[in-house]
Amino acid sequence: MPKQDFLFTDYMGPVVAAVIFAICLLVVSFLLLNYCFVLKTDELTVFERFGSKHNVRLGPHSLDSIKRRSQRRLTEDEGCPIVTENTKVPIPQVQVDAASTS
Protein backbone atom coordinates (compact mmCIF):
# COMPACT_ATOMS: atom_id res chain seq x y z
CA MET A 1 0.00 0.00 0.00
CA PRO A 2 1.51 3.36 -1.01
CA LYS A 3 2.12 6.14 1.43
CA GLN A 4 -0.64 8.78 1.66
CA ASP A 5 0.10 12.41 0.94
CA PHE A 6 -2.05 14.97 2.76
CA LEU A 7 -2.83 18.39 1.42
CA PHE A 8 -3.20 21.59 3.44
CA THR A 9 -7.00 21.28 3.26
CA ASP A 10 -6.81 17.82 4.84
CA TYR A 11 -5.03 19.26 7.87
CA MET A 12 -7.53 22.11 8.15
CA GLY A 13 -10.49 19.72 8.60
CA PRO A 14 -10.23 19.40 12.42
CA VAL A 15 -9.68 23.15 12.80
CA VAL A 16 -12.75 23.98 10.70
CA ALA A 17 -14.81 21.41 12.63
CA ALA A 18 -13.72 22.96 15.96
CA VAL A 19 -14.60 26.47 14.75
CA ILE A 20 -18.03 25.34 13.54
CA PHE A 21 -18.65 23.61 16.88
CA ALA A 22 -17.65 26.74 18.82
CA ILE A 23 -19.91 28.95 16.71
CA CYS A 24 -22.85 26.55 17.14
CA LEU A 25 -22.25 26.44 20.90
CA LEU A 26 -22.17 30.24 21.09
CA VAL A 27 -25.35 30.59 19.04
CA VAL A 28 -27.20 28.00 21.13
CA SER A 29 -26.04 29.47 24.43
CA PHE A 30 -26.80 33.01 23.33
CA LEU A 31 -30.12 32.65 21.53
CA LEU A 32 -31.73 29.67 23.20
CA LEU A 33 -30.61 30.15 26.78
CA ASN A 34 -30.59 33.94 26.86
CA TYR A 35 -33.90 34.61 25.16
CA CYS A 36 -35.95 31.48 25.95
CA PHE A 37 -34.98 30.51 29.49
CA VAL A 38 -34.07 33.85 31.12
CA LEU A 39 -37.12 35.65 32.51
CA LYS A 40 -37.50 39.36 33.17
CA THR A 41 -37.42 38.65 36.93
CA ASP A 42 -34.04 36.88 36.71
CA GLU A 43 -30.67 38.50 37.28
CA LEU A 44 -28.73 40.11 34.46
CA THR A 45 -26.67 37.83 32.25
CA VAL A 46 -23.11 38.39 31.09
CA PHE A 47 -24.37 39.09 27.57
CA GLU A 48 -26.72 41.81 28.86
CA ARG A 49 -23.98 43.48 30.90
CA PHE A 50 -21.70 43.44 27.87
CA GLY A 51 -24.46 44.81 25.64
CA SER A 52 -25.34 47.62 28.04
CA LYS A 53 -21.77 48.93 27.81
CA HIS A 54 -22.17 49.14 24.02
CA ASN A 55 -25.84 50.29 24.02
CA VAL A 56 -27.10 47.01 22.52
CA ARG A 57 -29.92 44.90 23.93
CA LEU A 58 -28.66 41.30 24.22
CA GLY A 59 -31.35 39.70 26.35
CA PRO A 60 -34.88 39.91 27.72
CA HIS A 61 -34.21 42.98 29.89
CA SER A 62 -34.47 46.47 28.40
CA LEU A 63 -31.47 48.79 28.39
CA ASP A 64 -33.21 51.13 30.85
CA SER A 65 -33.77 48.36 33.38
CA ILE A 66 -30.17 47.17 33.03
CA LYS A 67 -28.84 50.68 33.67
CA ARG A 68 -31.22 51.16 36.62
CA ARG A 69 -30.08 47.88 38.17
CA SER A 70 -26.42 48.79 37.78
CA GLN A 71 -27.02 52.26 39.29
CA ARG A 72 -28.97 50.71 42.16
CA ARG A 73 -26.12 48.29 42.83
CA LEU A 74 -23.63 51.18 42.91
CA THR A 75 -25.73 53.20 45.38
CA GLU A 76 -26.26 50.16 47.59
CA ASP A 77 -22.51 49.55 47.69
CA GLU A 78 -21.85 53.20 48.60
CA GLY A 79 -24.55 53.17 51.29
CA CYS A 80 -23.05 50.18 53.09
CA PRO A 81 -19.35 50.82 53.59
CA ILE A 82 -17.29 48.02 55.04
CA VAL A 83 -16.23 49.07 58.52
CA THR A 84 -13.76 47.10 60.57
CA GLU A 85 -13.63 47.75 64.27
CA ASN A 86 -10.93 46.74 66.67
CA THR A 87 -12.10 44.29 69.28
CA LYS A 88 -11.82 45.32 72.91
CA VAL A 89 -11.10 41.79 74.05
CA PRO A 90 -8.10 40.10 72.45
CA ILE A 91 -8.89 37.06 70.36
CA PRO A 92 -7.72 33.92 72.18
CA GLN A 93 -5.00 31.96 70.43
CA VAL A 94 -5.26 28.20 70.28
CA GLN A 95 -2.15 26.03 70.55
CA VAL A 96 -2.33 22.72 68.72
CA ASP A 97 0.35 20.17 69.52
CA ALA A 98 1.30 17.87 66.68
CA ALA A 99 1.11 14.13 67.17
CA SER A 100 4.39 12.53 68.13
CA THR A 101 6.28 10.65 65.44
CA SER A 102 7.66 7.95 67.75
PDB file of N, CA and C in Angstrom:
ATOM      1  N   MET A   1       0.839  -1.167   0.000  1.00  0.00           N
ATOM      2  CA  MET A   1       0.000   0.000   0.000  1.00  0.00           C
ATOM      3  C   MET A   1       0.892   1.242   0.000  1.00  0.00           C
ATOM      4  N   PRO A   2       0.647   2.165  -0.928  1.00  0.00           N
ATOM      5  CA  PRO A   2       1.507   3.358  -1.010  1.00  0.00           C
ATOM      6  C   PRO A   2       1.242   4.316   0.148  1.00  0.00           C
ATOM      7  N   LYS A   3       2.214   5.146   0.370  1.00  0.00           N
ATOM      8  CA  LYS A   3       2.118   6.144   1.433  1.00  0.00           C
ATOM      9  C   LYS A   3       1.161   7.258   1.010  1.00  0.00           C
ATOM     10  N   GLN A   4       0.330   7.725   1.970  1.00  0.00           N
ATOM     11  CA  GLN A   4      -0.638   8.777   1.659  1.00  0.00           C
ATOM     12  C   GLN A   4       0.009  10.141   1.774  1.00  0.00           C
ATOM     13  N   ASP A   5      -0.346  11.027   0.885  1.00  0.00           N
ATOM     14  CA  ASP A   5       0.104  12.413   0.943  1.00  0.00           C
ATOM     15  C   ASP A   5      -1.094  13.285   1.280  1.00  0.00           C
ATOM     16  N   PHE A   6      -0.963  14.087   2.336  1.00  0.00           N
ATOM     17  CA  PHE A   6      -2.049  14.968   2.761  1.00  0.00           C
ATOM     18  C   PHE A   6      -1.808  16.377   2.245  1.00  0.00           C
ATOM     19  N   LEU A   7      -2.885  17.006   1.853  1.00  0.00           N
ATOM     20  CA  LEU A   7      -2.833  18.394   1.423  1.00  0.00           C
ATOM     21  C   LEU A   7      -3.107  19.305   2.616  1.00  0.00           C
ATOM     22  N   PHE A   8      -2.936  20.600   2.383  1.00  0.00           N
ATOM     23  CA  PHE A   8      -3.202  21.586   3.440  1.00  0.00           C
ATOM     24  C   PHE A   8      -4.659  21.537   3.877  1.00  0.00           C
ATOM     25  N   THR A   9      -5.565  21.337   2.926  1.00  0.00           N
ATOM     26  CA  THR A   9      -6.998  21.284   3.263  1.00  0.00           C
ATOM     27  C   THR A   9      -7.326  20.075   4.131  1.00  0.00           C
ATOM     28  N   ASP A  10      -6.585  18.993   3.990  1.00  0.00           N
ATOM     29  CA  ASP A  10      -6.808  17.822   4.837  1.00  0.00           C
ATOM     30  C   ASP A  10      -6.458  18.120   6.290  1.00  0.00           C
ATOM     31  N   TYR A  11      -5.419  18.901   6.508  1.00  0.00           N
ATOM     32  CA  TYR A  11      -5.029  19.256   7.871  1.00  0.00           C
ATOM     33  C   TYR A  11      -5.963  20.294   8.483  1.00  0.00           C
ATOM     34  N   MET A  12      -6.628  21.065   7.643  1.00  0.00           N
ATOM     35  CA  MET A  12      -7.526  22.108   8.154  1.00  0.00           C
ATOM     36  C   MET A  12      -8.892  21.557   8.568  1.00  0.00           C
ATOM     37  N   GLY A  13      -9.199  20.319   8.258  1.00  0.00           N
ATOM     38  CA  GLY A  13     -10.486  19.723   8.598  1.00  0.00           C
ATOM     39  C   GLY A  13     -10.816  19.782  10.085  1.00  0.00           C
ATOM     40  N   PRO A  14      -9.928  19.322  10.980  1.00  0.00           N
ATOM     41  CA  PRO A  14     -10.234  19.397  12.416  1.00  0.00           C
ATOM     42  C   PRO A  14     -10.366  20.834  12.927  1.00  0.00           C
ATOM     43  N   VAL A  15      -9.589  21.751  12.367  1.00  0.00           N
ATOM     44  CA  VAL A  15      -9.678  23.154  12.796  1.00  0.00           C
ATOM     45  C   VAL A  15     -11.023  23.742  12.397  1.00  0.00           C
ATOM     46  N   VAL A  16     -11.454  23.472  11.175  1.00  0.00           N
ATOM     47  CA  VAL A  16     -12.749  23.978  10.704  1.00  0.00           C
ATOM     48  C   VAL A  16     -13.881  23.357  11.514  1.00  0.00           C
ATOM     49  N   ALA A  17     -13.779  22.072  11.827  1.00  0.00           N
ATOM     50  CA  ALA A  17     -14.812  21.414  12.634  1.00  0.00           C
ATOM     51  C   ALA A  17     -14.881  22.027  14.030  1.00  0.00           C
ATOM     52  N   ALA A  18     -13.735  22.339  14.631  1.00  0.00           N
ATOM     53  CA  ALA A  18     -13.725  22.960  15.960  1.00  0.00           C
ATOM     54  C   ALA A  18     -14.321  24.360  15.922  1.00  0.00           C
ATOM     55  N   VAL A  19     -14.037  25.116  14.876  1.00  0.00           N
ATOM     56  CA  VAL A  19     -14.598  26.470  14.746  1.00  0.00           C
ATOM     57  C   VAL A  19     -16.109  26.408  14.560  1.00  0.00           C
ATOM     58  N   ILE A  20     -16.588  25.490  13.736  1.00  0.00           N
ATOM     59  CA  ILE A  20     -18.033  25.344  13.536  1.00  0.00           C
ATOM     60  C   ILE A  20     -18.708  24.932  14.837  1.00  0.00           C
ATOM     61  N   PHE A  21     -18.095  24.023  15.591  1.00  0.00           N
ATOM     62  CA  PHE A  21     -18.651  23.607  16.879  1.00  0.00           C
ATOM     63  C   PHE A  21     -18.706  24.780  17.851  1.00  0.00           C
ATOM     64  N   ALA A  22     -17.663  25.587  17.911  1.00  0.00           N
ATOM     65  CA  ALA A  22     -17.647  26.735  18.823  1.00  0.00           C
ATOM     66  C   ALA A  22     -18.709  27.759  18.440  1.00  0.00           C
ATOM     67  N   ILE A  23     -18.881  27.996  17.153  1.00  0.00           N
ATOM     68  CA  ILE A  23     -19.908  28.949  16.706  1.00  0.00           C
ATOM     69  C   ILE A  23     -21.300  28.424  17.039  1.00  0.00           C
ATOM     70  N   CYS A  24     -21.539  27.138  16.800  1.00  0.00           N
ATOM     71  CA  CYS A  24     -22.849  26.552  17.142  1.00  0.00           C
ATOM     72  C   CYS A  24     -23.106  26.626  18.637  1.00  0.00           C
ATOM     73  N   LEU A  25     -22.093  26.363  19.443  1.00  0.00           N
ATOM     74  CA  LEU A  25     -22.250  26.435  20.896  1.00  0.00           C
ATOM     75  C   LEU A  25     -22.555  27.861  21.344  1.00  0.00           C
ATOM     76  N   LEU A  26     -21.906  28.842  20.755  1.00  0.00           N
ATOM     77  CA  LEU A  26     -22.166  30.239  21.093  1.00  0.00           C
ATOM     78  C   LEU A  26     -23.577  30.648  20.685  1.00  0.00           C
ATOM     79  N   VAL A  27     -24.002  30.239  19.509  1.00  0.00           N
ATOM     80  CA  VAL A  27     -25.346  30.592  19.042  1.00  0.00           C
ATOM     81  C   VAL A  27     -26.405  29.953  19.924  1.00  0.00           C
ATOM     82  N   VAL A  28     -26.221  28.683  20.272  1.00  0.00           N
ATOM     83  CA  VAL A  28     -27.198  28.002  21.126  1.00  0.00           C
ATOM     84  C   VAL A  28     -27.228  28.635  22.504  1.00  0.00           C
ATOM     85  N   SER A  29     -26.061  28.893  23.078  1.00  0.00           N
ATOM     86  CA  SER A  29     -26.042  29.470  24.425  1.00  0.00           C
ATOM     87  C   SER A  29     -26.572  30.891  24.425  1.00  0.00           C
ATOM     88  N   PHE A  30     -26.326  31.631  23.368  1.00  0.00           N
ATOM     89  CA  PHE A  30     -26.802  33.012  23.328  1.00  0.00           C
ATOM     90  C   PHE A  30     -28.291  33.080  23.040  1.00  0.00           C
ATOM     91  N   LEU A  31     -28.724  32.504  21.939  1.00  0.00           N
ATOM     92  CA  LEU A  31     -30.120  32.646  21.529  1.00  0.00           C
ATOM     93  C   LEU A  31     -31.066  31.822  22.395  1.00  0.00           C
ATOM     94  N   LEU A  32     -30.796  30.544  22.511  1.00  0.00           N
ATOM     95  CA  LEU A  32     -31.735  29.670  23.201  1.00  0.00           C
ATOM     96  C   LEU A  32     -31.771  29.956  24.692  1.00  0.00           C
ATOM     97  N   LEU A  33     -30.627  29.960  25.329  1.00  0.00           N
ATOM     98  CA  LEU A  33     -30.607  30.151  26.776  1.00  0.00           C
ATOM     99  C   LEU A  33     -30.949  31.578  27.171  1.00  0.00           C
ATOM    100  N   ASN A  34     -30.429  32.549  26.451  1.00  0.00           N
ATOM    101  CA  ASN A  34     -30.587  33.942  26.860  1.00  0.00           C
ATOM    102  C   ASN A  34     -31.987  34.475  26.585  1.00  0.00           C
ATOM    103  N   TYR A  35     -32.588  34.075  25.497  1.00  0.00           N
ATOM    104  CA  TYR A  35     -33.905  34.614  25.158  1.00  0.00           C
ATOM    105  C   TYR A  35     -35.058  33.704  25.572  1.00  0.00           C
ATOM    106  N   CYS A  36     -34.843  32.396  25.648  1.00  0.00           N
ATOM    107  CA  CYS A  36     -35.952  31.482  25.951  1.00  0.00           C
ATOM    108  C   CYS A  36     -36.053  31.140  27.431  1.00  0.00           C
ATOM    109  N   PHE A  37     -34.943  30.992  28.119  1.00  0.00           N
ATOM    110  CA  PHE A  37     -34.979  30.511  29.492  1.00  0.00           C
ATOM    111  C   PHE A  37     -34.735  31.584  30.541  1.00  0.00           C
ATOM    112  N   VAL A  38     -34.292  32.764  30.166  1.00  0.00           N
ATOM    113  CA  VAL A  38     -34.070  33.851  31.121  1.00  0.00           C
ATOM    114  C   VAL A  38     -35.331  34.709  31.156  1.00  0.00           C
ATOM    115  N   LEU A  39     -35.903  34.852  32.348  1.00  0.00           N
ATOM    116  CA  LEU A  39     -37.118  35.647  32.510  1.00  0.00           C
ATOM    117  C   LEU A  39     -36.759  37.081  32.876  1.00  0.00           C
ATOM    118  N   LYS A  40     -37.743  37.964  32.811  1.00  0.00           N
ATOM    119  CA  LYS A  40     -37.502  39.364  33.174  1.00  0.00           C
ATOM    120  C   LYS A  40     -37.226  39.524  34.661  1.00  0.00           C
ATOM    121  N   THR A  41     -37.656  38.559  35.483  1.00  0.00           N
ATOM    122  CA  THR A  41     -37.425  38.648  36.926  1.00  0.00           C
ATOM    123  C   THR A  41     -36.070  38.081  37.328  1.00  0.00           C
ATOM    124  N   ASP A  42     -35.352  37.456  36.400  1.00  0.00           N
ATOM    125  CA  ASP A  42     -34.042  36.882  36.706  1.00  0.00           C
ATOM    126  C   ASP A  42     -32.970  37.962  36.739  1.00  0.00           C
ATOM    127  N   GLU A  43     -31.797  37.577  37.238  1.00  0.00           N
ATOM    128  CA  GLU A  43     -30.666  38.503  37.282  1.00  0.00           C
ATOM    129  C   GLU A  43     -30.150  38.768  35.869  1.00  0.00           C
ATOM    130  N   LEU A  44     -29.314  39.771  35.755  1.00  0.00           N
ATOM    131  CA  LEU A  44     -28.727  40.107  34.456  1.00  0.00           C
ATOM    132  C   LEU A  44     -27.719  39.042  34.050  1.00  0.00           C
ATOM    133  N   THR A  45     -27.644  38.790  32.758  1.00  0.00           N
ATOM    134  CA  THR A  45     -26.672  37.831  32.253  1.00  0.00           C
ATOM    135  C   THR A  45     -25.403  38.569  31.819  1.00  0.00           C
ATOM    136  N   VAL A  46     -24.376  37.808  31.539  1.00  0.00           N
ATOM    137  CA  VAL A  46     -23.110  38.389  31.090  1.00  0.00           C
ATOM    138  C   VAL A  46     -23.299  39.080  29.746  1.00  0.00           C
ATOM    139  N   PHE A  47     -24.114  38.478  28.873  1.00  0.00           N
ATOM    140  CA  PHE A  47     -24.374  39.091  27.569  1.00  0.00           C
ATOM    141  C   PHE A  47     -25.048  40.447  27.736  1.00  0.00           C
ATOM    142  N   GLU A  48     -26.003  40.549  28.668  1.00  0.00           N
ATOM    143  CA  GLU A  48     -26.715  41.814  28.862  1.00  0.00           C
ATOM    144  C   GLU A  48     -25.798  42.886  29.439  1.00  0.00           C
ATOM    145  N   ARG A  49     -24.928  42.504  30.353  1.00  0.00           N
ATOM    146  CA  ARG A  49     -23.980  43.483  30.905  1.00  0.00           C
ATOM    147  C   ARG A  49     -23.029  43.978  29.818  1.00  0.00           C
ATOM    148  N   PHE A  50     -22.581  43.061  28.977  1.00  0.00           N
ATOM    149  CA  PHE A  50     -21.703  43.444  27.868  1.00  0.00           C
ATOM    150  C   PHE A  50     -22.443  44.350  26.893  1.00  0.00           C
ATOM    151  N   GLY A  51     -23.683  44.011  26.573  1.00  0.00           N
ATOM    152  CA  GLY A  51     -24.462  44.805  25.635  1.00  0.00           C
ATOM    153  C   GLY A  51     -24.798  46.180  26.162  1.00  0.00           C
ATOM    154  N   SER A  52     -25.004  46.304  27.477  1.00  0.00           N
ATOM    155  CA  SER A  52     -25.337  47.618  28.040  1.00  0.00           C
ATOM    156  C   SER A  52     -24.158  48.582  27.939  1.00  0.00           C
ATOM    157  N   LYS A  53     -22.946  48.060  27.967  1.00  0.00           N
ATOM    158  CA  LYS A  53     -21.771  48.926  27.811  1.00  0.00           C
ATOM    159  C   LYS A  53     -21.678  49.485  26.393  1.00  0.00           C
ATOM    160  N   HIS A  54     -22.230  48.734  25.430  1.00  0.00           N
ATOM    161  CA  HIS A  54     -22.166  49.143  24.025  1.00  0.00           C
ATOM    162  C   HIS A  54     -23.522  49.592  23.485  1.00  0.00           C
ATOM    163  N   ASN A  55     -24.490  49.820  24.379  1.00  0.00           N
ATOM    164  CA  ASN A  55     -25.840  50.289  24.019  1.00  0.00           C
ATOM    165  C   ASN A  55     -26.557  49.334  23.066  1.00  0.00           C
ATOM    166  N   VAL A  56     -26.445  48.029  23.325  1.00  0.00           N
ATOM    167  CA  VAL A  56     -27.105  47.009  22.519  1.00  0.00           C
ATOM    168  C   VAL A  56     -27.875  46.093  23.462  1.00  0.00           C
ATOM    169  N   ARG A  57     -29.106  45.791  23.106  1.00  0.00           N
ATOM    170  CA  ARG A  57     -29.919  44.895  23.931  1.00  0.00           C
ATOM    171  C   ARG A  57     -29.592  43.457  23.552  1.00  0.00           C
ATOM    172  N   LEU A  58     -29.046  42.687  24.483  1.00  0.00           N
ATOM    173  CA  LEU A  58     -28.660  41.302  24.223  1.00  0.00           C
ATOM    174  C   LEU A  58     -29.366  40.338  25.168  1.00  0.00           C
ATOM    175  N   GLY A  59     -30.609  40.593  25.477  1.00  0.00           N
ATOM    176  CA  GLY A  59     -31.350  39.698  26.354  1.00  0.00           C
ATOM    177  C   GLY A  59     -32.752  40.191  26.578  1.00  0.00           C
ATOM    178  N   PRO A  60     -33.480  39.557  27.504  1.00  0.00           N
ATOM    179  CA  PRO A  60     -34.881  39.913  27.719  1.00  0.00           C
ATOM    180  C   PRO A  60     -35.080  41.236  28.450  1.00  0.00           C
ATOM    181  N   HIS A  61     -34.073  41.726  29.155  1.00  0.00           N
ATOM    182  CA  HIS A  61     -34.209  42.979  29.892  1.00  0.00           C
ATOM    183  C   HIS A  61     -33.951  44.170  28.969  1.00  0.00           C
ATOM    184  N   SER A  62     -34.682  45.259  29.199  1.00  0.00           N
ATOM    185  CA  SER A  62     -34.465  46.465  28.395  1.00  0.00           C
ATOM    186  C   SER A  62     -33.205  47.184  28.874  1.00  0.00           C
ATOM    187  N   LEU A  63     -32.677  48.052  28.024  1.00  0.00           N
ATOM    188  CA  LEU A  63     -31.467  48.792  28.387  1.00  0.00           C
ATOM    189  C   LEU A  63     -31.701  49.684  29.598  1.00  0.00           C
ATOM    190  N   ASP A  64     -32.906  50.270  29.701  1.00  0.00           N
ATOM    191  CA  ASP A  64     -33.210  51.127  30.849  1.00  0.00           C
ATOM    192  C   ASP A  64     -33.180  50.340  32.150  1.00  0.00           C
ATOM    193  N   SER A  65     -33.762  49.142  32.146  1.00  0.00           N
ATOM    194  CA  SER A  65     -33.773  48.356  33.382  1.00  0.00           C
ATOM    195  C   SER A  65     -32.374  47.879  33.746  1.00  0.00           C
ATOM    196  N   ILE A  66     -31.543  47.588  32.752  1.00  0.00           N
ATOM    197  CA  ILE A  66     -30.166  47.170  33.032  1.00  0.00           C
ATOM    198  C   ILE A  66     -29.396  48.318  33.667  1.00  0.00           C
ATOM    199  N   LYS A  67     -29.554  49.529  33.120  1.00  0.00           N
ATOM    200  CA  LYS A  67     -28.838  50.683  33.670  1.00  0.00           C
ATOM    201  C   LYS A  67     -29.350  51.036  35.057  1.00  0.00           C
ATOM    202  N   ARG A  68     -30.676  50.892  35.279  1.00  0.00           N
ATOM    203  CA  ARG A  68     -31.221  51.157  36.618  1.00  0.00           C
ATOM    204  C   ARG A  68     -30.675  50.172  37.631  1.00  0.00           C
ATOM    205  N   ARG A  69     -30.600  48.896  37.244  1.00  0.00           N
ATOM    206  CA  ARG A  69     -30.080  47.882  38.170  1.00  0.00           C
ATOM    207  C   ARG A  69     -28.617  48.138  38.498  1.00  0.00           C
ATOM    208  N   SER A  70     -27.834  48.530  37.500  1.00  0.00           N
ATOM    209  CA  SER A  70     -26.419  48.792  37.775  1.00  0.00           C
ATOM    210  C   SER A  70     -26.258  50.031  38.649  1.00  0.00           C
ATOM    211  N   GLN A  71     -27.083  51.066  38.438  1.00  0.00           N
ATOM    212  CA  GLN A  71     -27.025  52.260  39.288  1.00  0.00           C
ATOM    213  C   GLN A  71     -27.462  51.930  40.707  1.00  0.00           C
ATOM    214  N   ARG A  72     -28.498  51.093  40.837  1.00  0.00           N
ATOM    215  CA  ARG A  72     -28.973  50.710  42.164  1.00  0.00           C
ATOM    216  C   ARG A  72     -27.897  49.932  42.914  1.00  0.00           C
ATOM    217  N   ARG A  73     -27.179  49.061  42.195  1.00  0.00           N
ATOM    218  CA  ARG A  73     -26.120  48.289  42.832  1.00  0.00           C
ATOM    219  C   ARG A  73     -25.002  49.212  43.306  1.00  0.00           C
ATOM    220  N   LEU A  74     -24.672  50.240  42.515  1.00  0.00           N
ATOM    221  CA  LEU A  74     -23.631  51.183  42.915  1.00  0.00           C
ATOM    222  C   LEU A  74     -24.042  51.971  44.150  1.00  0.00           C
ATOM    223  N   THR A  75     -25.291  52.429  44.216  1.00  0.00           N
ATOM    224  CA  THR A  75     -25.730  53.203  45.381  1.00  0.00           C
ATOM    225  C   THR A  75     -25.836  52.321  46.611  1.00  0.00           C
ATOM    226  N   GLU A  76     -26.207  51.057  46.445  1.00  0.00           N
ATOM    227  CA  GLU A  76     -26.260  50.157  47.595  1.00  0.00           C
ATOM    228  C   GLU A  76     -24.861  49.908  48.136  1.00  0.00           C
ATOM    229  N   ASP A  77     -23.884  49.768  47.246  1.00  0.00           N
ATOM    230  CA  ASP A  77     -22.513  49.550  47.694  1.00  0.00           C
ATOM    231  C   ASP A  77     -21.963  50.779  48.407  1.00  0.00           C
ATOM    232  N   GLU A  78     -22.321  51.976  47.952  1.00  0.00           N
ATOM    233  CA  GLU A  78     -21.847  53.196  48.605  1.00  0.00           C
ATOM    234  C   GLU A  78     -22.541  53.409  49.940  1.00  0.00           C
ATOM    235  N   GLY A  79     -23.792  52.971  50.058  1.00  0.00           N
ATOM    236  CA  GLY A  79     -24.554  53.169  51.288  1.00  0.00           C
ATOM    237  C   GLY A  79     -24.132  52.239  52.406  1.00  0.00           C
ATOM    238  N   CYS A  80     -23.459  51.159  52.086  1.00  0.00           N
ATOM    239  CA  CYS A  80     -23.047  50.182  53.093  1.00  0.00           C
ATOM    240  C   CYS A  80     -21.533  50.024  53.055  1.00  0.00           C
ATOM    241  N   PRO A  81     -20.807  50.970  53.605  1.00  0.00           N
ATOM    242  CA  PRO A  81     -19.352  50.823  53.587  1.00  0.00           C
ATOM    243  C   PRO A  81     -18.920  49.705  54.533  1.00  0.00           C
ATOM    244  N   ILE A  82     -17.834  49.078  54.200  1.00  0.00           N
ATOM    245  CA  ILE A  82     -17.295  48.020  55.039  1.00  0.00           C
ATOM    246  C   ILE A  82     -16.471  48.671  56.139  1.00  0.00           C
ATOM    247  N   VAL A  83     -16.896  48.462  57.382  1.00  0.00           N
ATOM    248  CA  VAL A  83     -16.226  49.068  58.521  1.00  0.00           C
ATOM    249  C   VAL A  83     -15.651  47.952  59.372  1.00  0.00           C
ATOM    250  N   THR A  84     -14.383  48.067  59.665  1.00  0.00           N
ATOM    251  CA  THR A  84     -13.764  47.103  60.568  1.00  0.00           C
ATOM    252  C   THR A  84     -13.472  47.810  61.877  1.00  0.00           C
ATOM    253  N   GLU A  85     -13.856  47.172  62.950  1.00  0.00           N
ATOM    254  CA  GLU A  85     -13.632  47.751  64.267  1.00  0.00           C
ATOM    255  C   GLU A  85     -12.662  46.868  65.032  1.00  0.00           C
ATOM    256  N   ASN A  86     -11.824  47.500  65.817  1.00  0.00           N
ATOM    257  CA  ASN A  86     -10.925  46.739  66.667  1.00  0.00           C
ATOM    258  C   ASN A  86     -11.722  46.148  67.819  1.00  0.00           C
ATOM    259  N   THR A  87     -11.391  44.924  68.167  1.00  0.00           N
ATOM    260  CA  THR A  87     -12.098  44.289  69.277  1.00  0.00           C
ATOM    261  C   THR A  87     -11.477  44.738  70.585  1.00  0.00           C
ATOM    262  N   LYS A  88     -12.316  44.905  71.602  1.00  0.00           N
ATOM    263  CA  LYS A  88     -11.822  45.318  72.913  1.00  0.00           C
ATOM    264  C   LYS A  88     -11.146  44.159  73.626  1.00  0.00           C
ATOM    265  N   VAL A  89     -11.670  42.976  73.414  1.00  0.00           N
ATOM    266  CA  VAL A  89     -11.104  41.789  74.051  1.00  0.00           C
ATOM    267  C   VAL A  89     -10.205  41.103  73.031  1.00  0.00           C
ATOM    268  N   PRO A  90      -8.973  40.763  73.418  1.00  0.00           N
ATOM    269  CA  PRO A  90      -8.101  40.101  72.452  1.00  0.00           C
ATOM    270  C   PRO A  90      -8.658  38.724  72.070  1.00  0.00           C
ATOM    271  N   ILE A  91      -8.420  38.353  70.843  1.00  0.00           N
ATOM    272  CA  ILE A  91      -8.887  37.058  70.361  1.00  0.00           C
ATOM    273  C   ILE A  91      -7.976  35.986  70.938  1.00  0.00           C
ATOM    274  N   PRO A  92      -8.563  34.957  71.577  1.00  0.00           N
ATOM    275  CA  PRO A  92      -7.715  33.918  72.179  1.00  0.00           C
ATOM    276  C   PRO A  92      -7.010  33.103  71.099  1.00  0.00           C
ATOM    277  N   GLN A  93      -5.761  32.765  71.370  1.00  0.00           N
ATOM    278  CA  GLN A  93      -4.998  31.957  70.432  1.00  0.00           C
ATOM    279  C   GLN A  93      -5.019  30.513  70.900  1.00  0.00           C
ATOM    280  N   VAL A  94      -5.166  29.620  69.967  1.00  0.00           N
ATOM    281  CA  VAL A  94      -5.263  28.202  70.283  1.00  0.00           C
ATOM    282  C   VAL A  94      -3.954  27.543  69.887  1.00  0.00           C
ATOM    283  N   GLN A  95      -3.384  26.775  70.810  1.00  0.00           N
ATOM    284  CA  GLN A  95      -2.152  26.034  70.549  1.00  0.00           C
ATOM    285  C   GLN A  95      -2.526  24.589  70.233  1.00  0.00           C
ATOM    286  N   VAL A  96      -2.062  24.106  69.107  1.00  0.00           N
ATOM    287  CA  VAL A  96      -2.331  22.723  68.725  1.00  0.00           C
ATOM    288  C   VAL A  96      -0.998  22.009  68.679  1.00  0.00           C
ATOM    289  N   ASP A  97      -0.877  20.959  69.508  1.00  0.00           N
ATOM    290  CA  ASP A  97       0.349  20.166  69.521  1.00  0.00           C
ATOM    291  C   ASP A  97       0.235  19.069  68.476  1.00  0.00           C
ATOM    292  N   ALA A  98       1.300  18.900  67.717  1.00  0.00           N
ATOM    293  CA  ALA A  98       1.296  17.871  66.685  1.00  0.00           C
ATOM    294  C   ALA A  98       1.460  16.503  67.326  1.00  0.00           C
ATOM    295  N   ALA A  99       0.981  15.501  66.663  1.00  0.00           N
ATOM    296  CA  ALA A  99       1.115  14.133  67.170  1.00  0.00           C
ATOM    297  C   ALA A  99       2.584  13.735  67.119  1.00  0.00           C
ATOM    298  N   SER A 100       2.987  12.935  68.086  1.00  0.00           N
ATOM    299  CA  SER A 100       4.392  12.532  68.130  1.00  0.00           C
ATOM    300  C   SER A 100       4.672  11.529  67.020  1.00  0.00           C
ATOM    301  N   THR A 101       5.895  11.542  66.539  1.00  0.00           N
ATOM    302  CA  THR A 101       6.282  10.653  65.443  1.00  0.00           C
ATOM    303  C   THR A 101       6.866   9.353  65.948  1.00  0.00           C
ATOM    304  N   SER A 102       7.047   9.192  67.260  1.00  0.00           N
ATOM    305  CA  SER A 102       7.664   7.953  67.745  1.00  0.00           C
ATOM    306  C   SER A 102       6.649   6.939  68.176  1.00  0.00           C
TER     307      SER A 102
END
